[in-house]
Amino acid sequence: MTSFPHSRPRRLRSYAWTRALVREHTLGPADLIWPIFVHEGEDFEPITSMPGVVRYPLAKIGEAAKLADDLGIPAIALFPKINPALKTNDGEEAANADNLVCRAIAALKKAAPEVGVMADVALDPFTTTGQDGIVRDGVVVNDDSVDMLVRQALVQTKAGCDIIAPSDMMDGRILAIREALERDGHTDTLIMAYAAKYASAFYGPFRDAVGSGGALKGDKKTYQMDPANGEEALREIALDLDEGADMIMVKPGMPYLDVVARAHDSINAPLFAYQVSGEYAMIMAAAQNGWMDERAAMLESLIAFKRAGCAGILSYFAPNAAKILA
């Protein structure tokens, strides 16, 4: 007598409707945050190492906000390319209330008030060293850097920023920024902490995009995390939540999905991941060479973040993915 398996998992995969019915995770435009770059020039500037990504001229940055609104993308993350003439060792331009970032924030909010604007808090676009903090005697100093980061966060908030996103990895900066926001009456301003940001090789195209790569002297291993460490990430996340962060980010994304999953299981707060420039560039390069299906690889990579436990994903694929997922 022939014996048949009682359980046939393939039954649930037999049709598109059965697969949709039992799908454990879904992905939509509302799960995405779109990172964009801005510069002072008059034209869109293609970023060679990030095919399909451009720097927006300040005069046209509002177009990005309107597109995000039309596509149902809830928030934009803003990154500047600063004029080299304005860069200094201490990144003083970061605290200028009329700097490129602040003017871009105001333009984005004017163009599409319902789209959230998230601004990076770190000094690397503004420093001659390309470091995220102030360098003295060859060392990135922590506490003086935090003081500058607080000033940077306040001018961004006053310009209309909805989410302050410290990416610098200085110790104690979340508490310092939260206390400064409260003292200044910005009680509703959100903080998304880059809590587990690794000293990664996947940031290269981003540094080209903001113009900090060529200036970078040395590396960032004294403040960004060692890629070998996972438990340390959980400690960093717990510290930032205790200090007043509303949301947490893991960066990069795909190489650290184990960290995302562990964080999801250990905290009770919204968790995000950043699919960084190097991840984007790898998929695009493979697709352009005919080695992968761009659309399929894009969507598979994004759903992986949801499966690992992310509430949302920062991704340069955001506008293309939103058009498909709408």
C-alpha atoms as a PDB file:
ATOM      1  CA  MET A   1       0.000   0.000   0.000  1.00  0.00           C
ATOM      2  CA  THR A   2       1.363   3.440  -0.976  1.00  0.00           C
ATOM      3  CA  SER A   3       1.950   5.827   1.900  1.00  0.00           C
ATOM      4  CA  PHE A   4       1.268   9.519   1.241  1.00  0.00           C
ATOM      5  CA  PRO A   5       2.445  12.454   3.380  1.00  0.00           C
ATOM      6  CA  HIS A   6      -0.335  13.789   5.592  1.00  0.00           C
ATOM      7  CA  SER A   7       1.105  17.283   5.416  1.00  0.00           C
ATOM      8  CA  ARG A   8       1.837  18.853   2.042  1.00  0.00           C
ATOM      9  CA  PRO A   9       3.064  22.437   2.582  1.00  0.00           C
ATOM     10  CA  ARG A  10       3.007  22.924  -1.186  1.00  0.00           C
ATOM     11  CA  ARG A  11      -0.803  23.029  -1.096  1.00  0.00           C
ATOM     12  CA  LEU A  12      -0.585  26.555   0.328  1.00  0.00           C
ATOM     13  CA  ARG A  13       1.753  27.586  -2.507  1.00  0.00           C
ATOM     14  CA  SER A  14      -0.337  26.225  -5.352  1.00  0.00           C
ATOM     15  CA  TYR A  15      -1.999  29.469  -6.473  1.00  0.00           C
ATOM     16  CA  ALA A  16      -1.353  33.195  -6.278  1.00  0.00           C
ATOM     17  CA  TRP A  17      -4.448  33.640  -4.120  1.00  0.00           C
ATOM     18  CA  THR A  18      -3.391  30.962  -1.600  1.00  0.00           C
ATOM     19  CA  ARG A  19       0.070  32.499  -1.359  1.00  0.00           C
ATOM     20  CA  ALA A  20      -1.482  35.914  -0.749  1.00  0.00           C
ATOM     21  CA  LEU A  21      -3.911  34.515   1.810  1.00  0.00           C
ATOM     22  CA  VAL A  22      -1.228  33.012   4.060  1.00  0.00           C
ATOM     23  CA  ARG A  23       1.542  35.564   3.490  1.00  0.00           C
ATOM     24  CA  GLU A  24       3.113  36.424   6.834  1.00  0.00           C
ATOM     25  CA  HIS A  25       4.476  39.875   5.986  1.00  0.00           C
ATOM     26  CA  THR A  26       3.436  42.605   3.588  1.00  0.00           C
ATOM     27  CA  LEU A  27       5.242  45.584   2.118  1.00  0.00           C
ATOM     28  CA  GLY A  28       3.714  48.876   1.015  1.00  0.00           C
ATOM     29  CA  PRO A  29       4.705  52.482   0.320  1.00  0.00           C
ATOM     30  CA  ALA A  30       3.975  53.385   3.944  1.00  0.00           C
ATOM     31  CA  ASP A  31       6.852  51.119   5.037  1.00  0.00           C
ATOM     32  CA  LEU A  32       9.429  53.241   3.220  1.00  0.00           C
ATOM     33  CA  ILE A  33      11.546  56.287   3.983  1.00  0.00           C
ATOM     34  CA  TRP A  34      13.223  57.842   0.945  1.00  0.00           C
ATOM     35  CA  PRO A  35      16.789  59.184   1.423  1.00  0.00           C
ATOM     36  CA  ILE A  36      17.517  62.118  -0.897  1.00  0.00           C
ATOM     37  CA  PHE A  37      20.555  64.324  -1.528  1.00  0.00           C
ATOM     38  CA  VAL A  38      20.546  68.091  -1.999  1.00  0.00           C
ATOM     39  CA  HIS A  39      23.149  70.548  -3.276  1.00  0.00           C
ATOM     40  CA  GLU A  40      23.417  74.265  -3.989  1.00  0.00           C
ATOM     41  CA  GLY A  41      23.708  73.903  -7.778  1.00  0.00           C
ATOM     42  CA  GLU A  42      21.037  74.559 -10.373  1.00  0.00           C
ATOM     43  CA  ASP A  43      20.853  71.130 -11.989  1.00  0.00           C
ATOM     44  CA  PHE A  44      20.206  67.527 -11.016  1.00  0.00           C
ATOM     45  CA  GLU A  45      23.532  65.740 -10.524  1.00  0.00           C
ATOM     46  CA  PRO A  46      23.684  61.982 -11.197  1.00  0.00           C
ATOM     47  CA  ILE A  47      25.670  60.004  -8.623  1.00  0.00           C
ATOM     48  CA  THR A  48      27.850  57.634 -10.643  1.00  0.00           C
ATOM     49  CA  SER A  49      28.225  55.025  -7.913  1.00  0.00           C
ATOM     50  CA  MET A  50      24.453  54.960  -7.298  1.00  0.00           C
ATOM     51  CA  PRO A  51      22.744  54.409 -10.677  1.00  0.00           C
ATOM     52  CA  GLY A  52      19.379  56.156 -10.825  1.00  0.00           C
ATOM     53  CA  VAL A  53      20.056  58.389  -7.788  1.00  0.00           C
ATOM     54  CA  VAL A  54      20.665  62.128  -8.169  1.00  0.00           C
ATOM     55  CA  ARG A  55      21.448  65.149  -6.063  1.00  0.00           C
ATOM     56  CA  TYR A  56      18.488  67.517  -6.110  1.00  0.00           C
ATOM     57  CA  PRO A  57      19.218  71.214  -6.608  1.00  0.00           C
ATOM     58  CA  LEU A  58      17.818  73.213  -3.708  1.00  0.00           C
ATOM     59  CA  ALA A  59      15.443  75.086  -6.013  1.00  0.00           C
ATOM     60  CA  LYS A  60      13.789  71.812  -7.038  1.00  0.00           C
ATOM     61  CA  ILE A  61      13.884  69.887  -3.759  1.00  0.00           C
ATOM     62  CA  GLY A  62      10.152  70.430  -3.359  1.00  0.00           C
ATOM     63  CA  GLU A  63       9.611  68.080  -6.304  1.00  0.00           C
ATOM     64  CA  ALA A  64      10.882  65.201  -4.164  1.00  0.00           C
ATOM     65  CA  ALA A  65       8.391  66.007  -1.409  1.00  0.00           C
ATOM     66  CA  LYS A  66       5.500  66.183  -3.876  1.00  0.00           C
ATOM     67  CA  LEU A  67       6.536  62.870  -5.448  1.00  0.00           C
ATOM     68  CA  ALA A  68       6.744  61.202  -2.043  1.00  0.00           C
ATOM     69  CA  ASP A  69       3.285  62.539  -1.229  1.00  0.00           C
ATOM     70  CA  ASP A  70       1.859  61.268  -4.517  1.00  0.00           C
ATOM     71  CA  LEU A  71       3.406  57.815  -4.012  1.00  0.00           C
ATOM     72  CA  GLY A  72       2.292  57.440  -0.392  1.00  0.00           C
ATOM     73  CA  ILE A  73       5.834  57.503   1.016  1.00  0.00           C
ATOM     74  CA  PRO A  74       5.398  58.959   4.505  1.00  0.00           C
ATOM     75  CA  ALA A  75       8.840  60.484   5.061  1.00  0.00           C
ATOM     76  CA  ILE A  76      12.009  61.740   3.393  1.00  0.00           C
ATOM     77  CA  ALA A  77      15.516  61.554   4.890  1.00  0.00           C
ATOM     78  CA  LEU A  78      17.638  64.525   3.843  1.00  0.00           C
ATOM     79  CA  PHE A  79      21.414  64.560   3.230  1.00  0.00           C
ATOM     80  CA  PRO A  80      23.439  67.539   1.947  1.00  0.00           C
ATOM     81  CA  LYS A  81      26.490  68.019  -0.233  1.00  0.00           C
ATOM     82  CA  ILE A  82      28.116  71.055   1.362  1.00  0.00           C
ATOM     83  CA  ASN A  83      30.275  73.559  -0.473  1.00  0.00           C
ATOM     84  CA  PRO A  84      33.904  72.699   0.451  1.00  0.00           C
ATOM     85  CA  ALA A  85      34.563  76.394   1.146  1.00  0.00           C
ATOM     86  CA  LEU A  86      32.163  76.162   4.104  1.00  0.00           C
ATOM     87  CA  LYS A  87      33.827  73.160   5.720  1.00  0.00           C
ATOM     88  CA  THR A  88      35.919  73.509   8.864  1.00  0.00           C
ATOM     89  CA  ASN A  89      37.465  71.164  11.391  1.00  0.00           C
ATOM     90  CA  ASP A  90      34.645  71.759  13.881  1.00  0.00           C
ATOM     91  CA  GLY A  91      31.822  71.739  11.303  1.00  0.00           C
ATOM     92  CA  GLU A  92      30.482  75.099  12.467  1.00  0.00           C
ATOM     93  CA  GLU A  93      28.296  75.401   9.335  1.00  0.00           C
ATOM     94  CA  ALA A  94      26.153  72.562  10.710  1.00  0.00           C
ATOM     95  CA  ALA A  95      24.818  74.979  13.348  1.00  0.00           C
ATOM     96  CA  ASN A  96      24.078  77.784  10.865  1.00  0.00           C
ATOM     97  CA  ALA A  97      20.311  78.357  10.854  1.00  0.00           C
ATOM     98  CA  ASP A  98      20.522  79.366   7.183  1.00  0.00           C
ATOM     99  CA  ASN A  99      22.604  76.425   6.002  1.00  0.00           C
ATOM    100  CA  LEU A 100      21.701  74.204   3.041  1.00  0.00           C
ATOM    101  CA  VAL A 101      19.982  71.596   5.212  1.00  0.00           C
ATOM    102  CA  CYS A 102      17.762  74.109   6.996  1.00  0.00           C
ATOM    103  CA  ARG A 103      16.715  75.785   3.750  1.00  0.00           C
ATOM    104  CA  ALA A 104      15.985  72.375   2.201  1.00  0.00           C
ATOM    105  CA  ILE A 105      13.897  71.336   5.211  1.00  0.00           C
ATOM    106  CA  ALA A 106      11.796  74.492   4.895  1.00  0.00           C
ATOM    107  CA  ALA A 107      11.347  73.927   1.151  1.00  0.00           C
ATOM    108  CA  LEU A 108      10.287  70.307   1.638  1.00  0.00           C
ATOM    109  CA  LYS A 109       7.716  71.204   4.297  1.00  0.00           C
ATOM    110  CA  LYS A 110       6.343  74.032   2.165  1.00  0.00           C
ATOM    111  CA  ALA A 111       5.950  71.767  -0.875  1.00  0.00           C
ATOM    112  CA  ALA A 112       4.287  68.866   0.955  1.00  0.00           C
ATOM    113  CA  PRO A 113       3.447  69.610   4.603  1.00  0.00           C
ATOM    114  CA  GLU A 114       2.074  66.106   5.229  1.00  0.00           C
ATOM    115  CA  VAL A 115       5.336  64.377   4.290  1.00  0.00           C
ATOM    116  CA  GLY A 116       7.639  63.894   7.263  1.00  0.00           C
ATOM    117  CA  VAL A 117      11.160  65.274   7.010  1.00  0.00           C
ATOM    118  CA  MET A 118      14.031  63.526   8.734  1.00  0.00           C
ATOM    119  CA  ALA A 119      17.423  65.244   8.991  1.00  0.00           C
ATOM    120  CA  ASP A 120      20.779  63.647   9.646  1.00  0.00           C
ATOM    121  CA  VAL A 121      22.619  64.892  12.718  1.00  0.00           C
ATOM    122  CA  ALA A 122      26.339  64.343  12.181  1.00  0.00           C
ATOM    123  CA  LEU A 123      29.211  66.580  11.221  1.00  0.00           C
ATOM    124  CA  ASP A 124      30.805  64.608   8.366  1.00  0.00           C
ATOM    125  CA  PRO A 125      29.262  66.658   5.512  1.00  0.00           C
ATOM    126  CA  PHE A 126      30.518  69.831   7.242  1.00  0.00           C
ATOM    127  CA  THR A 127      34.037  68.902   8.408  1.00  0.00           C
ATOM    128  CA  THR A 128      37.305  69.123   6.507  1.00  0.00           C
ATOM    129  CA  THR A 129      38.227  65.736   7.990  1.00  0.00           C
ATOM    130  CA  GLY A 130      35.108  63.861   6.840  1.00  0.00           C
ATOM    131  CA  GLN A 131      34.657  62.679  10.423  1.00  0.00           C
ATOM    132  CA  ASP A 132      31.291  62.718  12.203  1.00  0.00           C
ATOM    133  CA  GLY A 133      32.728  64.699  15.096  1.00  0.00           C
ATOM    134  CA  ILE A 134      35.374  67.283  15.918  1.00  0.00           C
ATOM    135  CA  VAL A 135      38.991  66.132  15.617  1.00  0.00           C
ATOM    136  CA  ARG A 136      41.617  67.341  18.056  1.00  0.00           C
ATOM    137  CA  ASP A 137      45.185  65.999  18.042  1.00  0.00           C
ATOM    138  CA  GLY A 138      44.111  63.195  15.748  1.00  0.00           C
ATOM    139  CA  VAL A 139      41.230  62.090  18.011  1.00  0.00           C
ATOM    140  CA  VAL A 140      37.483  62.492  17.436  1.00  0.00           C
ATOM    141  CA  VAL A 141      36.507  64.103  20.736  1.00  0.00           C
ATOM    142  CA  ASN A 142      33.165  63.062  22.170  1.00  0.00           C
ATOM    143  CA  ASP A 143      31.747  65.768  24.425  1.00  0.00           C
ATOM    144  CA  ASP A 144      32.634  68.830  22.336  1.00  0.00           C
ATOM    145  CA  SER A 145      31.198  67.012  19.332  1.00  0.00           C
ATOM    146  CA  VAL A 146      27.967  66.415  21.243  1.00  0.00           C
ATOM    147  CA  ASP A 147      27.697  70.127  22.003  1.00  0.00           C
ATOM    148  CA  MET A 148      27.920  70.881  18.277  1.00  0.00           C
ATOM    149  CA  LEU A 149      25.417  68.132  17.444  1.00  0.00           C
ATOM    150  CA  VAL A 150      22.924  69.661  19.876  1.00  0.00           C
ATOM    151  CA  ARG A 151      23.267  73.019  18.128  1.00  0.00           C
ATOM    152  CA  GLN A 152      22.812  71.288  14.762  1.00  0.00           C
ATOM    153  CA  ALA A 153      19.676  69.485  15.931  1.00  0.00           C
ATOM    154  CA  LEU A 154      18.127  72.705  17.237  1.00  0.00           C
ATOM    155  CA  VAL A 155      18.555  74.679  13.998  1.00  0.00           C
ATOM    156  CA  GLN A 156      17.121  71.762  12.016  1.00  0.00           C
ATOM    157  CA  THR A 157      14.124  71.543  14.319  1.00  0.00           C
ATOM    158  CA  LYS A 158      13.481  75.279  14.098  1.00  0.00           C
ATOM    159  CA  ALA A 159      13.598  74.974  10.294  1.00  0.00           C
ATOM    160  CA  GLY A 160      10.691  72.521  10.468  1.00  0.00           C
ATOM    161  CA  CYS A 161      12.349  69.112  10.759  1.00  0.00           C
ATOM    162  CA  ASP A 162      10.013  66.412  12.088  1.00  0.00           C
ATOM    163  CA  ILE A 163      12.547  63.675  12.904  1.00  0.00           C
ATOM    164  CA  ILE A 164      16.021  64.358  14.240  1.00  0.00           C
ATOM    165  CA  ALA A 165      18.283  61.444  13.297  1.00  0.00           C
ATOM    166  CA  PRO A 166      21.664  61.423  15.058  1.00  0.00           C
ATOM    167  CA  SER A 167      23.981  59.194  13.004  1.00  0.00           C
ATOM    168  CA  ASP A 168      27.261  60.218  14.624  1.00  0.00           C
ATOM    169  CA  MET A 169      27.553  57.478  17.288  1.00  0.00           C
ATOM    170  CA  MET A 170      28.937  59.836  19.954  1.00  0.00           C
ATOM    171  CA  ASP A 171      28.213  58.708  23.507  1.00  0.00           C
ATOM    172  CA  GLY A 172      25.388  60.561  25.266  1.00  0.00           C
ATOM    173  CA  ARG A 173      24.192  62.568  22.284  1.00  0.00           C
ATOM    174  CA  ILE A 174      20.588  61.301  22.419  1.00  0.00           C
ATOM    175  CA  LEU A 175      20.111  62.508  25.990  1.00  0.00           C
ATOM    176  CA  ALA A 176      21.776  65.847  25.246  1.00  0.00           C
ATOM    177  CA  ILE A 177      19.603  66.432  22.169  1.00  0.00           C
ATOM    178  CA  ARG A 178      16.409  65.313  23.900  1.00  0.00           C
ATOM    179  CA  GLU A 179      17.016  67.641  26.844  1.00  0.00           C
ATOM    180  CA  ALA A 180      17.814  70.556  24.517  1.00  0.00           C
ATOM    181  CA  LEU A 181      14.652  69.954  22.486  1.00  0.00           C
ATOM    182  CA  GLU A 182      12.547  69.853  25.646  1.00  0.00           C
ATOM    183  CA  ARG A 183      14.118  73.029  27.025  1.00  0.00           C
ATOM    184  CA  ASP A 184      13.472  74.797  23.716  1.00  0.00           C
ATOM    185  CA  GLY A 185       9.807  73.757  23.650  1.00  0.00           C
ATOM    186  CA  HIS A 186      10.117  71.131  20.890  1.00  0.00           C
ATOM    187  CA  THR A 187       8.374  68.434  22.859  1.00  0.00           C
ATOM    188  CA  ASP A 188       6.832  66.757  19.808  1.00  0.00           C
ATOM    189  CA  THR A 189      10.017  66.434  17.757  1.00  0.00           C
ATOM    190  CA  LEU A 190      10.877  62.794  17.158  1.00  0.00           C
ATOM    191  CA  ILE A 191      14.336  61.279  17.504  1.00  0.00           C
ATOM    192  CA  MET A 192      15.312  58.289  15.393  1.00  0.00           C
ATOM    193  CA  ALA A 193      18.641  57.129  16.787  1.00  0.00           C
ATOM    194  CA  TYR A 194      21.208  55.442  14.600  1.00  0.00           C
ATOM    195  CA  ALA A 195      21.753  53.232  17.617  1.00  0.00           C
ATOM    196  CA  ALA A 196      23.581  50.336  15.965  1.00  0.00           C
ATOM    197  CA  LYS A 197      25.658  51.921  13.211  1.00  0.00           C
ATOM    198  CA  TYR A 198      28.546  49.768  12.109  1.00  0.00           C
ATOM    199  CA  ALA A 199      31.959  50.762  10.733  1.00  0.00           C
ATOM    200  CA  SER A 200      31.000  49.298   7.398  1.00  0.00           C
ATOM    201  CA  ALA A 201      32.520  49.017   3.932  1.00  0.00           C
ATOM    202  CA  PHE A 202      29.035  49.556   2.472  1.00  0.00           C
ATOM    203  CA  TYR A 203      29.010  53.361   2.875  1.00  0.00           C
ATOM    204  CA  GLY A 204      31.333  54.233  -0.009  1.00  0.00           C
ATOM    205  CA  PRO A 205      28.774  55.512  -2.554  1.00  0.00           C
ATOM    206  CA  PHE A 206      27.034  57.592   0.133  1.00  0.00           C
ATOM    207  CA  ARG A 207      30.294  59.339   0.992  1.00  0.00           C
ATOM    208  CA  ASP A 208      30.702  60.166  -2.678  1.00  0.00           C
ATOM    209  CA  ALA A 209      27.169  61.557  -2.733  1.00  0.00           C
ATOM    210  CA  VAL A 210      27.708  63.959   0.194  1.00  0.00           C
ATOM    211  CA  GLY A 211      31.281  64.774  -0.749  1.00  0.00           C
ATOM    212  CA  SER A 212      32.906  63.478   2.441  1.00  0.00           C
ATOM    213  CA  GLY A 213      34.675  60.431   1.006  1.00  0.00           C
ATOM    214  CA  GLY A 214      37.639  62.252  -0.508  1.00  0.00           C
ATOM    215  CA  ALA A 215      38.102  64.318   2.643  1.00  0.00           C
ATOM    216  CA  LEU A 216      37.970  61.392   5.066  1.00  0.00           C
ATOM    217  CA  LYS A 217      41.217  60.963   6.920  1.00  0.00           C
ATOM    218  CA  GLY A 218      41.564  57.573   8.593  1.00  0.00           C
ATOM    219  CA  ASP A 219      38.464  55.574   9.457  1.00  0.00           C
ATOM    220  CA  LYS A 220      35.540  55.715  11.890  1.00  0.00           C
ATOM    221  CA  LYS A 221      36.267  52.599  13.913  1.00  0.00           C
ATOM    222  CA  THR A 222      36.749  54.478  17.202  1.00  0.00           C
ATOM    223  CA  TYR A 223      33.066  55.398  17.320  1.00  0.00           C
ATOM    224  CA  GLN A 224      31.129  53.283  14.819  1.00  0.00           C
ATOM    225  CA  MET A 225      30.568  49.661  15.830  1.00  0.00           C
ATOM    226  CA  ASP A 226      32.758  46.650  15.095  1.00  0.00           C
ATOM    227  CA  PRO A 227      30.988  44.432  12.502  1.00  0.00           C
ATOM    228  CA  ALA A 228      31.869  41.397  14.635  1.00  0.00           C
ATOM    229  CA  ASN A 229      29.661  42.513  17.536  1.00  0.00           C
ATOM    230  CA  GLY A 230      25.991  41.754  18.119  1.00  0.00           C
ATOM    231  CA  GLU A 231      25.499  41.971  21.887  1.00  0.00           C
ATOM    232  CA  GLU A 232      27.034  45.441  21.838  1.00  0.00           C
ATOM    233  CA  ALA A 233      24.306  46.569  19.441  1.00  0.00           C
ATOM    234  CA  LEU A 234      21.640  45.602  21.951  1.00  0.00           C
ATOM    235  CA  ARG A 235      23.409  47.603  24.658  1.00  0.00           C
ATOM    236  CA  GLU A 236      23.662  50.646  22.373  1.00  0.00           C
ATOM    237  CA  ILE A 237      19.969  50.373  21.497  1.00  0.00           C
ATOM    238  CA  ALA A 238      18.957  50.133  25.151  1.00  0.00           C
ATOM    239  CA  LEU A 239      21.055  53.196  26.010  1.00  0.00           C
ATOM    240  CA  ASP A 240      19.508  55.315  23.261  1.00  0.00           C
ATOM    241  CA  LEU A 241      15.978  54.354  24.266  1.00  0.00           C
ATOM    242  CA  ASP A 242      16.745  55.177  27.893  1.00  0.00           C
ATOM    243  CA  GLU A 243      18.099  58.558  26.785  1.00  0.00           C
ATOM    244  CA  GLY A 244      14.899  59.499  24.969  1.00  0.00           C
ATOM    245  CA  ALA A 245      14.953  58.081  21.440  1.00  0.00           C
ATOM    246  CA  ASP A 246      11.508  57.394  19.972  1.00  0.00           C
ATOM    247  CA  MET A 247      12.702  55.081  17.214  1.00  0.00           C
ATOM    248  CA  ILE A 248      15.788  52.968  16.610  1.00  0.00           C
ATOM    249  CA  MET A 249      17.811  52.273  13.481  1.00  0.00           C
ATOM    250  CA  VAL A 250      20.239  49.527  12.509  1.00  0.00           C
ATOM    251  CA  LYS A 251      22.714  50.451   9.746  1.00  0.00           C
ATOM    252  CA  PRO A 252      23.628  48.881   7.334  1.00  0.00           C
ATOM    253  CA  GLY A 253      20.649  46.669   6.713  1.00  0.00           C
ATOM    254  CA  MET A 254      20.957  43.385   4.849  1.00  0.00           C
ATOM    255  CA  PRO A 255      24.372  42.335   6.282  1.00  0.00           C
ATOM    256  CA  TYR A 256      22.929  42.933   9.774  1.00  0.00           C
ATOM    257  CA  LEU A 257      19.492  41.326   9.588  1.00  0.00           C
ATOM    258  CA  ASP A 258      20.492  39.142  12.532  1.00  0.00           C
ATOM    259  CA  VAL A 259      20.932  42.315  14.603  1.00  0.00           C
ATOM    260  CA  VAL A 260      17.576  43.619  13.384  1.00  0.00           C
ATOM    261  CA  ALA A 261      15.855  40.389  14.406  1.00  0.00           C
ATOM    262  CA  ARG A 262      17.521  40.310  17.822  1.00  0.00           C
ATOM    263  CA  ALA A 263      16.648  43.939  18.433  1.00  0.00           C
ATOM    264  CA  HIS A 264      13.039  43.312  17.433  1.00  0.00           C
ATOM    265  CA  ASP A 265      12.819  40.506  19.978  1.00  0.00           C
ATOM    266  CA  SER A 266      14.383  42.543  22.784  1.00  0.00           C
ATOM    267  CA  ILE A 267      12.875  46.048  22.588  1.00  0.00           C
ATOM    268  CA  ASN A 268       9.429  47.592  22.612  1.00  0.00           C
ATOM    269  CA  ALA A 269       9.966  50.484  20.219  1.00  0.00           C
ATOM    270  CA  PRO A 270       9.668  51.104  16.463  1.00  0.00           C
ATOM    271  CA  LEU A 271      12.668  49.601  14.686  1.00  0.00           C
ATOM    272  CA  PHE A 272      14.056  50.675  11.309  1.00  0.00           C
ATOM    273  CA  ALA A 273      16.950  49.646   9.116  1.00  0.00           C
ATOM    274  CA  TYR A 274      18.856  51.532   6.447  1.00  0.00           C
ATOM    275  CA  GLN A 275      19.434  49.733   3.163  1.00  0.00           C
ATOM    276  CA  VAL A 276      22.605  51.711   2.568  1.00  0.00           C
ATOM    277  CA  SER A 277      24.248  52.970  -0.595  1.00  0.00           C
ATOM    278  CA  GLY A 278      26.524  49.978  -1.028  1.00  0.00           C
ATOM    279  CA  GLU A 279      23.608  47.564  -0.792  1.00  0.00           C
ATOM    280  CA  TYR A 280      21.696  49.576  -3.375  1.00  0.00           C
ATOM    281  CA  ALA A 281      24.735  49.844  -5.655  1.00  0.00           C
ATOM    282  CA  MET A 282      25.375  46.086  -5.591  1.00  0.00           C
ATOM    283  CA  ILE A 283      21.831  45.247  -6.660  1.00  0.00           C
ATOM    284  CA  MET A 284      21.825  47.912  -9.356  1.00  0.00           C
ATOM    285  CA  ALA A 285      25.228  46.901 -10.711  1.00  0.00           C
ATOM    286  CA  ALA A 286      24.185  43.251 -10.924  1.00  0.00           C
ATOM    287  CA  ALA A 287      20.904  44.199 -12.577  1.00  0.00           C
ATOM    288  CA  GLN A 288      22.584  46.442 -15.125  1.00  0.00           C
ATOM    289  CA  ASN A 289      24.933  43.594 -16.017  1.00  0.00           C
ATOM    290  CA  GLY A 290      21.995  41.253 -16.525  1.00  0.00           C
ATOM    291  CA  TRP A 291      22.953  39.086 -13.564  1.00  0.00           C
ATOM    292  CA  MET A 292      19.772  39.727 -11.543  1.00  0.00           C
ATOM    293  CA  ASP A 293      16.224  40.901 -12.088  1.00  0.00           C
ATOM    294  CA  GLU A 294      16.235  44.420 -10.621  1.00  0.00           C
ATOM    295  CA  ARG A 295      12.548  44.506  -9.672  1.00  0.00           C
ATOM    296  CA  ALA A 296      12.521  41.041  -8.113  1.00  0.00           C
ATOM    297  CA  ALA A 297      15.778  41.616  -6.193  1.00  0.00           C
ATOM    298  CA  MET A 298      14.587  45.024  -4.973  1.00  0.00           C
ATOM    299  CA  LEU A 299      11.296  43.708  -3.606  1.00  0.00           C
ATOM    300  CA  GLU A 300      12.869  40.580  -2.110  1.00  0.00           C
ATOM    301  CA  SER A 301      15.492  42.641  -0.319  1.00  0.00           C
ATOM    302  CA  LEU A 302      12.879  45.011   1.102  1.00  0.00           C
ATOM    303  CA  ILE A 303      10.514  42.312   2.366  1.00  0.00           C
ATOM    304  CA  ALA A 304      13.486  40.733   4.156  1.00  0.00           C
ATOM    305  CA  PHE A 305      13.589  43.770   6.443  1.00  0.00           C
ATOM    306  CA  LYS A 306       9.906  43.381   7.314  1.00  0.00           C
ATOM    307  CA  ARG A 307      10.398  39.667   7.969  1.00  0.00           C
ATOM    308  CA  ALA A 308      13.285  40.470  10.333  1.00  0.00           C
ATOM    309  CA  GLY A 309      11.041  42.829  12.315  1.00  0.00           C
ATOM    310  CA  CYS A 310      11.408  46.313  10.857  1.00  0.00           C
ATOM    311  CA  ALA A 311       8.579  48.802  11.089  1.00  0.00           C
ATOM    312  CA  GLY A 312      10.087  50.543   8.074  1.00  0.00           C
ATOM    313  CA  ILE A 313      13.092  50.776   5.782  1.00  0.00           C
ATOM    314  CA  LEU A 314      15.211  53.638   4.535  1.00  0.00           C
ATOM    315  CA  SER A 315      15.982  52.766   0.930  1.00  0.00           C
ATOM    316  CA  TYR A 316      17.045  54.489  -2.273  1.00  0.00           C
ATOM    317  CA  PHE A 317      14.630  52.100  -3.969  1.00  0.00           C
ATOM    318  CA  ALA A 318      11.711  53.834  -2.213  1.00  0.00           C
ATOM    319  CA  PRO A 319      10.161  55.691  -5.179  1.00  0.00           C
ATOM    320  CA  ASN A 320      10.506  52.755  -7.587  1.00  0.00           C
ATOM    321  CA  ALA A 321       9.212  50.282  -5.019  1.00  0.00           C
ATOM    322  CA  ALA A 322       6.279  52.541  -4.076  1.00  0.00           C
ATOM    323  CA  LYS A 323       5.190  52.761  -7.720  1.00  0.00           C
ATOM    324  CA  ILE A 324       5.027  48.967  -7.864  1.00  0.00           C
ATOM    325  CA  LEU A 325       3.449  48.464  -4.448  1.00  0.00           C
ATOM    326  CA  ALA A 326       0.796  51.184  -4.612  1.00  0.00           C
END
